[in-house]
Structures are given as C-alpha cells and as structure tokens.
Amino acid sequence: MTIETAYAHRSGNYGLIRGGQVHHSDWDKGQVKALRDMYPSIPESFVAGGIDAAYAHPSGSYGFIRGNQVHHTDWGTGVTKTLAEMYPNIPDSFRNGVDAAYAHPDGDYGLIKGGQVHHSDWDRGQVKALRDMYPSIPESFVAGGIDAAYAHPKGSYGFIRGNQVHHSDWATNATKTLAEMYPNIPSAWQ
C-alpha cells in the first residue's frame, strides 16, 4: 500500500496519510497516529474508506476529499460539502473524485485528476496539462497518475507516486525515494 495522500504544513514539515494513519515528517522515526485522533471532526466514512486527497490550508485548518465530498477541520464534526459546492468552477469530470489536491499559500486550491490540473481561481472548467503546469515532473508521474500532491509554503509543489517524490523546484525528472525525502517515515510505508 502506498501513501494515500499528503500535505505540507505552514511550518514546512509534511503530513503523510496511509490506511487511516498519519505520520508527520518532524515526528520520531516510525511514529504514527490514527487519523481520527489527529482530526476528530473528520467523517467516519472518510477514515474507513480512505482519503483521496488532503491539504493544509494557510488558515491552519485541514481539508480532506473522498469521492465527491470535502471536509474541512474547522467546519465541525462530520460536516461536508460536495466538490461542486466547494469548488464551483471545477470541470464536470472533477466533480466525483480527484487524485490529489493542494492549497496555495494565497488560499486558492489546486485539484489534480489524471494528467490535468484545475485551480479554484480559474474560469469554470478550465484545465491545464500537469506537464504544462509543472514541466520538471517525471513523465511516469503524469502517465501513471499522482498519489499525492502538496504546495509547500515556500513556493514549490511536491508530488508522490508510489515510493517516489518529485518537487517542482528540482531538476527535470529528478526524484527521491520516500525514505530519502522523509527519513522518519515508518519502514512499512517506504
């Protein structure tokens, strides 16, 4: 099982989610917590069924996407909106699930599905090819699908596919393994 999703904290550390558990890159080696313990407001269906995408909002709240539902930790226990309600400009093909998402430091959101990306401040339905937005990303990430994405507070974007990580400010096609990027990650997650 690979990383389901990831997010970048305002502090510059990373949260990785897998199988109802979360690990933060600044925690002790292998330390995990239950997703429900970290984020008690998250709907049980999100925990039981797996998270499609997650992001850390600049306000300090966290967003989680599962299927066509979104939950923010500052909305109250179990409260959700549909993707269409949360992001009214998304393309119809994005309204029932995305592969990855991130929150920009300015508060807008990026949603990835297949090889396309949509930003919440773009015109209705506008998409760009992932490769056009992030030219350094390895072709295998675009062709095979992204498992997770995040916007780092310092301006770069991170992408995870399988056990490989790529940041948009790295050389074209450059990758690190999960273990190289996040040395404290549990060994079973590498």
N, C-alpha and C. Protein backbone atom coordinates (compact mmCIF):
# COMPACT_ATOMS: atom_id res chain seq x y z
N MET A 1 0.84 -1.18 0.00
CA MET A 1 0.00 0.00 0.00
C MET A 1 0.89 1.24 0.00
N THR A 2 0.58 2.18 -0.88
CA THR A 2 1.37 3.40 -0.97
C THR A 2 0.75 4.51 -0.11
N ILE A 3 1.41 5.64 -0.10
CA ILE A 3 0.87 6.81 0.57
C ILE A 3 -0.43 7.19 -0.15
N GLU A 4 -1.49 7.40 0.61
CA GLU A 4 -2.78 7.76 0.00
C GLU A 4 -2.80 9.23 -0.38
N THR A 5 -2.27 10.06 0.52
CA THR A 5 -2.26 11.49 0.27
C THR A 5 -1.26 12.15 1.21
N ALA A 6 -0.98 13.41 0.96
CA ALA A 6 0.00 14.14 1.76
C ALA A 6 -0.36 15.62 1.76
N TYR A 7 0.20 16.34 2.71
CA TYR A 7 0.01 17.79 2.76
C TYR A 7 1.28 18.41 3.34
N ALA A 8 1.47 19.68 3.06
CA ALA A 8 2.61 20.43 3.60
C ALA A 8 2.08 21.40 4.65
N HIS A 9 2.67 21.38 5.84
CA HIS A 9 2.30 22.31 6.91
C HIS A 9 2.85 23.69 6.62
N ARG A 10 2.29 24.67 7.30
CA ARG A 10 2.84 26.03 7.23
C ARG A 10 4.27 26.05 7.75
N SER A 11 4.61 25.12 8.64
CA SER A 11 5.96 25.06 9.22
C SER A 11 7.01 24.53 8.25
N GLY A 12 6.55 23.95 7.15
CA GLY A 12 7.48 23.35 6.19
C GLY A 12 7.63 21.85 6.35
N ASN A 13 7.01 21.27 7.37
CA ASN A 13 7.00 19.82 7.53
C ASN A 13 5.86 19.22 6.72
N TYR A 14 5.84 17.91 6.62
CA TYR A 14 4.86 17.23 5.77
C TYR A 14 4.05 16.23 6.58
N GLY A 15 2.79 16.08 6.21
CA GLY A 15 1.92 15.04 6.76
C GLY A 15 1.66 14.01 5.67
N LEU A 16 1.84 12.75 6.00
CA LEU A 16 1.61 11.65 5.07
C LEU A 16 0.51 10.78 5.64
N ILE A 17 -0.45 10.38 4.80
CA ILE A 17 -1.60 9.58 5.25
C ILE A 17 -1.61 8.25 4.52
N ARG A 18 -1.85 7.20 5.30
CA ARG A 18 -1.95 5.85 4.74
C ARG A 18 -2.80 5.00 5.67
N GLY A 19 -3.83 4.35 5.13
CA GLY A 19 -4.62 3.40 5.89
C GLY A 19 -5.17 3.89 7.20
N GLY A 20 -5.70 5.09 7.25
CA GLY A 20 -6.29 5.60 8.48
C GLY A 20 -5.28 6.10 9.50
N GLN A 21 -4.02 6.20 9.08
CA GLN A 21 -2.98 6.69 9.97
C GLN A 21 -2.27 7.88 9.32
N VAL A 22 -1.68 8.70 10.16
CA VAL A 22 -0.93 9.86 9.69
C VAL A 22 0.45 9.86 10.34
N HIS A 23 1.44 10.28 9.56
CA HIS A 23 2.81 10.48 10.05
C HIS A 23 3.24 11.87 9.64
N HIS A 24 3.83 12.61 10.55
CA HIS A 24 4.38 13.93 10.23
C HIS A 24 5.89 13.82 10.15
N SER A 25 6.47 14.48 9.17
CA SER A 25 7.90 14.33 8.90
C SER A 25 8.80 14.80 10.04
N ASP A 26 8.28 15.59 10.97
CA ASP A 26 9.09 16.04 12.10
C ASP A 26 8.87 15.16 13.35
N TRP A 27 8.11 14.09 13.23
CA TRP A 27 7.91 13.18 14.34
C TRP A 27 9.06 12.19 14.42
N ASP A 28 9.12 11.47 15.53
CA ASP A 28 10.14 10.43 15.71
C ASP A 28 10.00 9.36 14.64
N LYS A 29 11.08 8.65 14.40
CA LYS A 29 11.12 7.62 13.36
C LYS A 29 9.98 6.61 13.58
N GLY A 30 9.17 6.46 12.55
CA GLY A 30 8.10 5.47 12.55
C GLY A 30 6.85 5.83 13.33
N GLN A 31 6.83 6.97 14.00
CA GLN A 31 5.67 7.35 14.81
C GLN A 31 4.47 7.63 13.91
N VAL A 32 3.32 7.09 14.27
CA VAL A 32 2.07 7.36 13.57
C VAL A 32 0.98 7.63 14.59
N LYS A 33 -0.06 8.28 14.14
CA LYS A 33 -1.26 8.49 14.94
C LYS A 33 -2.45 8.14 14.07
N ALA A 34 -3.54 7.75 14.72
CA ALA A 34 -4.78 7.49 14.00
C ALA A 34 -5.29 8.81 13.43
N LEU A 35 -5.76 8.77 12.20
CA LEU A 35 -6.30 9.96 11.55
C LEU A 35 -7.42 10.57 12.40
N ARG A 36 -8.26 9.73 12.95
CA ARG A 36 -9.38 10.18 13.79
C ARG A 36 -8.86 10.90 15.05
N ASP A 37 -7.73 10.44 15.62
CA ASP A 37 -7.17 11.10 16.80
C ASP A 37 -6.60 12.47 16.44
N MET A 38 -5.98 12.57 15.27
CA MET A 38 -5.41 13.84 14.84
C MET A 38 -6.48 14.84 14.43
N TYR A 39 -7.51 14.35 13.76
CA TYR A 39 -8.56 15.21 13.20
C TYR A 39 -9.92 14.65 13.61
N PRO A 40 -10.36 14.88 14.86
CA PRO A 40 -11.58 14.24 15.36
C PRO A 40 -12.85 14.63 14.62
N SER A 41 -12.84 15.72 13.86
CA SER A 41 -14.07 16.13 13.16
C SER A 41 -14.27 15.40 11.83
N ILE A 42 -13.28 14.67 11.37
CA ILE A 42 -13.35 14.04 10.06
C ILE A 42 -14.45 12.97 10.04
N PRO A 43 -15.26 12.92 8.98
CA PRO A 43 -16.33 11.92 8.92
C PRO A 43 -15.77 10.49 8.96
N GLU A 44 -16.47 9.62 9.62
CA GLU A 44 -16.04 8.22 9.73
C GLU A 44 -15.91 7.58 8.35
N SER A 45 -16.78 7.93 7.43
CA SER A 45 -16.70 7.35 6.08
C SER A 45 -15.39 7.70 5.38
N PHE A 46 -14.82 8.86 5.71
CA PHE A 46 -13.53 9.24 5.15
C PHE A 46 -12.42 8.36 5.70
N VAL A 47 -12.47 8.10 7.00
CA VAL A 47 -11.44 7.29 7.65
C VAL A 47 -11.53 5.85 7.19
N ALA A 48 -12.75 5.30 7.20
CA ALA A 48 -12.95 3.89 6.86
C ALA A 48 -12.68 3.60 5.39
N GLY A 49 -13.02 4.54 4.52
CA GLY A 49 -12.91 4.29 3.09
C GLY A 49 -11.64 4.77 2.45
N GLY A 50 -10.84 5.53 3.17
CA GLY A 50 -9.61 6.07 2.60
C GLY A 50 -9.80 7.48 2.06
N ILE A 51 -8.77 8.27 2.20
CA ILE A 51 -8.78 9.66 1.77
C ILE A 51 -8.22 9.74 0.35
N ASP A 52 -8.93 10.45 -0.54
CA ASP A 52 -8.43 10.64 -1.91
C ASP A 52 -7.40 11.76 -1.97
N ALA A 53 -7.61 12.83 -1.20
CA ALA A 53 -6.72 13.98 -1.23
C ALA A 53 -6.82 14.73 0.09
N ALA A 54 -5.75 15.43 0.44
CA ALA A 54 -5.73 16.24 1.65
C ALA A 54 -4.87 17.46 1.41
N TYR A 55 -5.12 18.51 2.17
CA TYR A 55 -4.30 19.70 2.08
C TYR A 55 -4.35 20.45 3.40
N ALA A 56 -3.31 21.20 3.67
CA ALA A 56 -3.25 22.09 4.82
C ALA A 56 -3.54 23.50 4.30
N HIS A 57 -4.58 24.09 4.80
CA HIS A 57 -4.95 25.44 4.38
C HIS A 57 -4.10 26.45 5.14
N PRO A 58 -3.75 27.57 4.52
CA PRO A 58 -2.94 28.58 5.20
C PRO A 58 -3.55 29.09 6.51
N SER A 59 -4.86 28.96 6.66
CA SER A 59 -5.53 29.41 7.89
C SER A 59 -5.25 28.49 9.08
N GLY A 60 -4.70 27.31 8.79
CA GLY A 60 -4.43 26.35 9.85
C GLY A 60 -5.38 25.18 9.87
N SER A 61 -6.45 25.23 9.09
CA SER A 61 -7.36 24.08 9.01
C SER A 61 -6.83 23.09 7.97
N TYR A 62 -7.41 21.91 7.98
CA TYR A 62 -7.02 20.86 7.03
C TYR A 62 -8.24 20.45 6.23
N GLY A 63 -8.03 20.18 4.96
CA GLY A 63 -9.11 19.74 4.09
C GLY A 63 -8.87 18.31 3.64
N PHE A 64 -9.95 17.55 3.54
CA PHE A 64 -9.89 16.15 3.11
C PHE A 64 -10.96 15.92 2.05
N ILE A 65 -10.61 15.17 1.03
CA ILE A 65 -11.54 14.85 -0.05
C ILE A 65 -11.67 13.34 -0.14
N ARG A 66 -12.91 12.89 -0.26
CA ARG A 66 -13.22 11.48 -0.52
C ARG A 66 -14.40 11.44 -1.47
N GLY A 67 -14.20 10.81 -2.62
CA GLY A 67 -15.28 10.77 -3.61
C GLY A 67 -15.68 12.17 -4.02
N ASN A 68 -16.96 12.49 -3.86
CA ASN A 68 -17.43 13.83 -4.23
C ASN A 68 -17.63 14.73 -3.01
N GLN A 69 -17.04 14.36 -1.87
CA GLN A 69 -17.23 15.10 -0.63
C GLN A 69 -15.93 15.75 -0.14
N VAL A 70 -16.07 16.92 0.47
CA VAL A 70 -14.95 17.65 1.07
C VAL A 70 -15.29 17.91 2.53
N HIS A 71 -14.29 17.79 3.40
CA HIS A 71 -14.45 18.14 4.81
C HIS A 71 -13.27 19.02 5.22
N HIS A 72 -13.55 20.12 5.89
CA HIS A 72 -12.52 20.96 6.49
C HIS A 72 -12.63 20.82 8.00
N THR A 73 -11.50 20.75 8.66
CA THR A 73 -11.49 20.51 10.10
C THR A 73 -12.10 21.65 10.91
N ASP A 74 -12.26 22.81 10.33
CA ASP A 74 -12.88 23.93 11.05
C ASP A 74 -14.38 24.06 10.77
N TRP A 75 -14.98 23.08 10.09
CA TRP A 75 -16.41 23.13 9.78
C TRP A 75 -17.28 22.46 10.85
N GLY A 76 -16.71 21.70 11.72
CA GLY A 76 -17.50 20.96 12.70
C GLY A 76 -17.48 19.47 12.38
N THR A 77 -17.81 18.67 13.35
CA THR A 77 -17.73 17.23 13.22
C THR A 77 -18.64 16.70 12.12
N GLY A 78 -18.03 16.00 11.17
CA GLY A 78 -18.77 15.32 10.12
C GLY A 78 -19.34 16.19 9.02
N VAL A 79 -19.19 17.50 9.11
CA VAL A 79 -19.76 18.41 8.11
C VAL A 79 -19.00 18.27 6.79
N THR A 80 -19.75 18.13 5.69
CA THR A 80 -19.13 18.04 4.37
C THR A 80 -19.85 18.96 3.39
N LYS A 81 -19.16 19.22 2.30
CA LYS A 81 -19.73 19.88 1.12
C LYS A 81 -19.38 18.99 -0.06
N THR A 82 -20.11 19.14 -1.13
CA THR A 82 -19.73 18.42 -2.35
C THR A 82 -18.57 19.17 -2.99
N LEU A 83 -17.84 18.47 -3.84
CA LEU A 83 -16.76 19.13 -4.58
C LEU A 83 -17.31 20.31 -5.37
N ALA A 84 -18.49 20.15 -5.98
CA ALA A 84 -19.10 21.22 -6.77
C ALA A 84 -19.46 22.43 -5.92
N GLU A 85 -19.91 22.20 -4.68
CA GLU A 85 -20.22 23.32 -3.78
C GLU A 85 -18.95 24.04 -3.35
N MET A 86 -17.93 23.27 -3.04
CA MET A 86 -16.68 23.85 -2.53
C MET A 86 -15.90 24.56 -3.63
N TYR A 87 -15.88 23.96 -4.80
CA TYR A 87 -15.11 24.49 -5.93
C TYR A 87 -16.05 24.65 -7.12
N PRO A 88 -16.87 25.68 -7.17
CA PRO A 88 -17.90 25.79 -8.21
C PRO A 88 -17.36 25.87 -9.63
N ASN A 89 -16.10 26.21 -9.81
CA ASN A 89 -15.54 26.34 -11.16
C ASN A 89 -14.90 25.06 -11.69
N ILE A 90 -14.93 23.96 -10.92
CA ILE A 90 -14.24 22.76 -11.38
C ILE A 90 -14.94 22.17 -12.60
N PRO A 91 -14.17 21.49 -13.43
CA PRO A 91 -14.77 20.80 -14.58
C PRO A 91 -15.71 19.69 -14.10
N ASP A 92 -16.70 19.37 -14.91
CA ASP A 92 -17.65 18.31 -14.55
C ASP A 92 -16.93 17.00 -14.24
N SER A 93 -15.86 16.70 -14.97
CA SER A 93 -15.15 15.44 -14.76
C SER A 93 -14.43 15.37 -13.41
N PHE A 94 -14.28 16.49 -12.73
CA PHE A 94 -13.62 16.54 -11.42
C PHE A 94 -14.64 16.45 -10.27
N ARG A 95 -15.91 16.47 -10.56
CA ARG A 95 -16.93 16.59 -9.51
C ARG A 95 -17.17 15.32 -8.72
N ASN A 96 -16.63 14.21 -9.15
CA ASN A 96 -16.79 12.98 -8.39
C ASN A 96 -15.44 12.33 -8.16
N GLY A 97 -14.57 13.05 -7.49
CA GLY A 97 -13.28 12.48 -7.10
C GLY A 97 -12.12 13.10 -7.85
N VAL A 98 -11.04 13.27 -7.11
CA VAL A 98 -9.79 13.77 -7.65
C VAL A 98 -8.67 12.86 -7.16
N ASP A 99 -7.54 12.92 -7.84
CA ASP A 99 -6.38 12.10 -7.44
C ASP A 99 -5.56 12.78 -6.34
N ALA A 100 -5.50 14.09 -6.37
CA ALA A 100 -4.68 14.83 -5.42
C ALA A 100 -5.18 16.28 -5.36
N ALA A 101 -4.80 16.98 -4.30
CA ALA A 101 -5.19 18.38 -4.14
C ALA A 101 -4.15 19.09 -3.29
N TYR A 102 -4.11 20.40 -3.42
CA TYR A 102 -3.22 21.21 -2.58
C TYR A 102 -3.85 22.57 -2.38
N ALA A 103 -3.47 23.23 -1.31
CA ALA A 103 -3.91 24.60 -1.03
C ALA A 103 -2.72 25.52 -1.24
N HIS A 104 -2.92 26.54 -2.05
CA HIS A 104 -1.89 27.55 -2.26
C HIS A 104 -1.76 28.42 -1.02
N PRO A 105 -0.61 29.04 -0.83
CA PRO A 105 -0.46 29.97 0.29
C PRO A 105 -1.45 31.13 0.26
N ASP A 106 -1.98 31.48 -0.93
CA ASP A 106 -2.95 32.57 -1.02
C ASP A 106 -4.39 32.12 -0.74
N GLY A 107 -4.59 30.81 -0.51
CA GLY A 107 -5.92 30.31 -0.18
C GLY A 107 -6.68 29.66 -1.30
N ASP A 108 -6.18 29.73 -2.53
CA ASP A 108 -6.82 29.02 -3.64
C ASP A 108 -6.39 27.56 -3.60
N TYR A 109 -7.08 26.72 -4.37
CA TYR A 109 -6.82 25.29 -4.34
C TYR A 109 -6.46 24.77 -5.73
N GLY A 110 -5.60 23.77 -5.75
CA GLY A 110 -5.28 23.04 -6.97
C GLY A 110 -5.82 21.63 -6.85
N LEU A 111 -6.49 21.17 -7.88
CA LEU A 111 -7.05 19.82 -7.91
C LEU A 111 -6.48 19.09 -9.11
N ILE A 112 -6.06 17.85 -8.91
CA ILE A 112 -5.45 17.06 -9.98
C ILE A 112 -6.31 15.82 -10.22
N LYS A 113 -6.57 15.57 -11.49
CA LYS A 113 -7.27 14.34 -11.88
C LYS A 113 -6.65 13.88 -13.19
N GLY A 114 -6.16 12.63 -13.17
CA GLY A 114 -5.47 12.14 -14.35
C GLY A 114 -4.26 13.03 -14.62
N GLY A 115 -4.07 13.42 -15.84
CA GLY A 115 -2.95 14.29 -16.20
C GLY A 115 -3.32 15.75 -16.28
N GLN A 116 -4.42 16.14 -15.60
CA GLN A 116 -4.88 17.51 -15.68
C GLN A 116 -4.93 18.15 -14.29
N VAL A 117 -4.82 19.47 -14.28
CA VAL A 117 -4.91 20.24 -13.04
C VAL A 117 -5.89 21.39 -13.27
N HIS A 118 -6.63 21.72 -12.21
CA HIS A 118 -7.55 22.86 -12.21
C HIS A 118 -7.29 23.64 -10.92
N HIS A 119 -7.22 24.95 -11.02
CA HIS A 119 -7.08 25.81 -9.84
C HIS A 119 -8.41 26.50 -9.60
N SER A 120 -8.79 26.61 -8.34
CA SER A 120 -10.11 27.11 -7.98
C SER A 120 -10.36 28.56 -8.39
N ASP A 121 -9.30 29.32 -8.66
CA ASP A 121 -9.48 30.70 -9.09
C ASP A 121 -9.49 30.84 -10.62
N TRP A 122 -9.47 29.72 -11.35
CA TRP A 122 -9.54 29.74 -12.81
C TRP A 122 -11.00 29.79 -13.25
N ASP A 123 -11.18 30.08 -14.54
CA ASP A 123 -12.52 30.10 -15.12
C ASP A 123 -13.16 28.72 -15.02
N ARG A 124 -14.47 28.69 -15.06
CA ARG A 124 -15.23 27.45 -14.95
C ARG A 124 -14.74 26.43 -15.98
N GLY A 125 -14.35 25.29 -15.45
CA GLY A 125 -13.97 24.17 -16.30
C GLY A 125 -12.57 24.24 -16.89
N GLN A 126 -11.85 25.33 -16.68
CA GLN A 126 -10.52 25.46 -17.26
C GLN A 126 -9.56 24.44 -16.63
N VAL A 127 -8.80 23.75 -17.47
CA VAL A 127 -7.78 22.81 -17.00
C VAL A 127 -6.50 23.05 -17.80
N LYS A 128 -5.42 22.59 -17.21
CA LYS A 128 -4.13 22.59 -17.90
C LYS A 128 -3.53 21.22 -17.73
N ALA A 129 -2.69 20.85 -18.67
CA ALA A 129 -1.98 19.59 -18.54
C ALA A 129 -0.99 19.71 -17.39
N LEU A 130 -0.90 18.65 -16.60
CA LEU A 130 0.02 18.63 -15.47
C LEU A 130 1.44 18.95 -15.91
N ARG A 131 1.85 18.40 -17.04
CA ARG A 131 3.20 18.61 -17.57
C ARG A 131 3.40 20.08 -17.97
N ASP A 132 2.35 20.74 -18.46
CA ASP A 132 2.47 22.16 -18.81
C ASP A 132 2.61 23.04 -17.56
N MET A 133 1.91 22.67 -16.50
CA MET A 133 1.98 23.44 -15.25
C MET A 133 3.31 23.21 -14.53
N TYR A 134 3.78 21.98 -14.55
CA TYR A 134 4.97 21.59 -13.81
C TYR A 134 5.90 20.84 -14.76
N PRO A 135 6.66 21.56 -15.60
CA PRO A 135 7.44 20.92 -16.66
C PRO A 135 8.53 19.98 -16.17
N SER A 136 8.95 20.09 -14.92
CA SER A 136 10.02 19.21 -14.43
C SER A 136 9.51 17.84 -13.97
N ILE A 137 8.20 17.69 -13.87
CA ILE A 137 7.63 16.45 -13.33
C ILE A 137 7.97 15.26 -14.23
N PRO A 138 8.36 14.13 -13.66
CA PRO A 138 8.68 12.96 -14.48
C PRO A 138 7.46 12.48 -15.28
N GLU A 139 7.71 12.04 -16.47
CA GLU A 139 6.63 11.54 -17.34
C GLU A 139 5.90 10.37 -16.68
N SER A 140 6.64 9.54 -15.92
CA SER A 140 6.00 8.40 -15.27
C SER A 140 4.96 8.86 -14.25
N PHE A 141 5.14 10.02 -13.65
CA PHE A 141 4.14 10.55 -12.71
C PHE A 141 2.89 10.96 -13.47
N VAL A 142 3.07 11.59 -14.62
CA VAL A 142 1.93 12.06 -15.40
C VAL A 142 1.18 10.88 -15.99
N ALA A 143 1.90 9.95 -16.59
CA ALA A 143 1.26 8.81 -17.25
C ALA A 143 0.64 7.83 -16.26
N GLY A 144 1.28 7.65 -15.11
CA GLY A 144 0.81 6.67 -14.15
C GLY A 144 -0.16 7.19 -13.12
N GLY A 145 -0.28 8.50 -13.01
CA GLY A 145 -1.18 9.09 -12.01
C GLY A 145 -0.44 9.47 -10.74
N ILE A 146 -0.87 10.53 -10.14
CA ILE A 146 -0.29 11.07 -8.91
C ILE A 146 -1.04 10.46 -7.72
N ASP A 147 -0.30 10.00 -6.71
CA ASP A 147 -0.93 9.53 -5.48
C ASP A 147 -1.22 10.69 -4.54
N ALA A 148 -0.33 11.67 -4.51
CA ALA A 148 -0.48 12.79 -3.59
C ALA A 148 0.24 14.02 -4.16
N ALA A 149 -0.22 15.19 -3.75
CA ALA A 149 0.43 16.45 -4.14
C ALA A 149 0.29 17.43 -2.98
N TYR A 150 1.20 18.37 -2.91
CA TYR A 150 1.12 19.41 -1.90
C TYR A 150 1.82 20.66 -2.39
N ALA A 151 1.37 21.80 -1.87
CA ALA A 151 2.01 23.08 -2.15
C ALA A 151 2.82 23.45 -0.92
N HIS A 152 4.10 23.56 -1.08
CA HIS A 152 4.97 23.92 0.04
C HIS A 152 4.84 25.42 0.29
N PRO A 153 4.83 25.84 1.54
CA PRO A 153 4.67 27.27 1.83
C PRO A 153 5.73 28.15 1.17
N LYS A 154 6.88 27.59 0.83
CA LYS A 154 7.95 28.39 0.21
C LYS A 154 7.84 28.45 -1.30
N GLY A 155 6.77 27.88 -1.87
CA GLY A 155 6.51 28.08 -3.29
C GLY A 155 6.69 26.90 -4.21
N SER A 156 7.28 25.82 -3.78
CA SER A 156 7.40 24.66 -4.67
C SER A 156 6.21 23.73 -4.48
N TYR A 157 6.08 22.79 -5.39
CA TYR A 157 5.00 21.81 -5.33
C TYR A 157 5.62 20.43 -5.27
N GLY A 158 5.04 19.56 -4.45
CA GLY A 158 5.54 18.20 -4.31
C GLY A 158 4.52 17.21 -4.84
N PHE A 159 5.04 16.13 -5.41
CA PHE A 159 4.19 15.08 -5.98
C PHE A 159 4.73 13.73 -5.54
N ILE A 160 3.84 12.83 -5.18
CA ILE A 160 4.22 11.47 -4.80
C ILE A 160 3.53 10.49 -5.73
N ARG A 161 4.32 9.54 -6.20
CA ARG A 161 3.79 8.42 -6.99
C ARG A 161 4.52 7.18 -6.54
N GLY A 162 3.78 6.21 -6.00
CA GLY A 162 4.43 5.01 -5.49
C GLY A 162 5.40 5.38 -4.39
N ASN A 163 6.65 4.95 -4.53
CA ASN A 163 7.64 5.29 -3.49
C ASN A 163 8.58 6.41 -3.94
N GLN A 164 8.15 7.20 -4.93
CA GLN A 164 8.96 8.28 -5.47
C GLN A 164 8.34 9.65 -5.18
N VAL A 165 9.20 10.64 -4.95
CA VAL A 165 8.79 12.01 -4.69
C VAL A 165 9.48 12.92 -5.70
N HIS A 166 8.77 13.92 -6.19
CA HIS A 166 9.35 14.94 -7.06
C HIS A 166 8.86 16.29 -6.57
N HIS A 167 9.77 17.27 -6.52
CA HIS A 167 9.39 18.66 -6.22
C HIS A 167 9.60 19.50 -7.47
N SER A 168 8.71 20.45 -7.67
CA SER A 168 8.75 21.26 -8.90
C SER A 168 9.99 22.13 -9.02
N ASP A 169 10.71 22.35 -7.91
CA ASP A 169 11.93 23.15 -8.00
C ASP A 169 13.18 22.28 -8.14
N TRP A 170 13.00 20.99 -8.36
CA TRP A 170 14.12 20.09 -8.63
C TRP A 170 14.35 20.02 -10.14
N ALA A 171 15.45 19.41 -10.53
CA ALA A 171 15.76 19.24 -11.96
C ALA A 171 14.68 18.39 -12.62
N THR A 172 14.52 18.55 -13.91
CA THR A 172 13.56 17.75 -14.67
C THR A 172 13.79 16.27 -14.43
N ASN A 173 12.71 15.58 -14.12
CA ASN A 173 12.68 14.14 -13.87
C ASN A 173 13.39 13.71 -12.59
N ALA A 174 13.91 14.62 -11.79
CA ALA A 174 14.60 14.26 -10.55
C ALA A 174 13.61 13.72 -9.53
N THR A 175 13.98 12.65 -8.86
CA THR A 175 13.14 12.08 -7.82
C THR A 175 13.99 11.66 -6.63
N LYS A 176 13.34 11.50 -5.52
CA LYS A 176 13.90 10.88 -4.32
C LYS A 176 12.93 9.79 -3.91
N THR A 177 13.42 8.82 -3.17
CA THR A 177 12.51 7.83 -2.61
C THR A 177 11.81 8.44 -1.40
N LEU A 178 10.72 7.82 -1.00
CA LEU A 178 10.03 8.29 0.20
C LEU A 178 10.98 8.28 1.39
N ALA A 179 11.80 7.24 1.51
CA ALA A 179 12.74 7.13 2.62
C ALA A 179 13.79 8.23 2.59
N GLU A 180 14.24 8.63 1.40
CA GLU A 180 15.21 9.73 1.29
C GLU A 180 14.57 11.07 1.65
N MET A 181 13.36 11.27 1.20
CA MET A 181 12.67 12.55 1.40
C MET A 181 12.17 12.69 2.84
N TYR A 182 11.67 11.60 3.38
CA TYR A 182 11.08 11.61 4.72
C TYR A 182 11.76 10.51 5.54
N PRO A 183 12.96 10.74 6.06
CA PRO A 183 13.74 9.67 6.71
C PRO A 183 13.06 9.08 7.95
N ASN A 184 12.12 9.78 8.56
CA ASN A 184 11.45 9.25 9.75
C ASN A 184 10.16 8.48 9.44
N ILE A 185 9.87 8.31 8.17
CA ILE A 185 8.66 7.60 7.76
C ILE A 185 8.72 6.15 8.27
N PRO A 186 7.58 5.56 8.65
CA PRO A 186 7.60 4.15 9.07
C PRO A 186 8.15 3.27 7.95
N SER A 187 8.93 2.29 8.30
CA SER A 187 9.56 1.43 7.28
C SER A 187 8.53 0.74 6.39
N ALA A 188 7.37 0.39 6.93
CA ALA A 188 6.34 -0.26 6.12
C ALA A 188 5.74 0.68 5.08
N TRP A 189 5.95 1.99 5.21
CA TRP A 189 5.40 2.97 4.29
C TRP A 189 6.38 3.29 3.15
N GLN A 190 7.59 2.81 3.25
CA GLN A 190 8.62 3.19 2.28
C GLN A 190 8.44 2.46 0.98
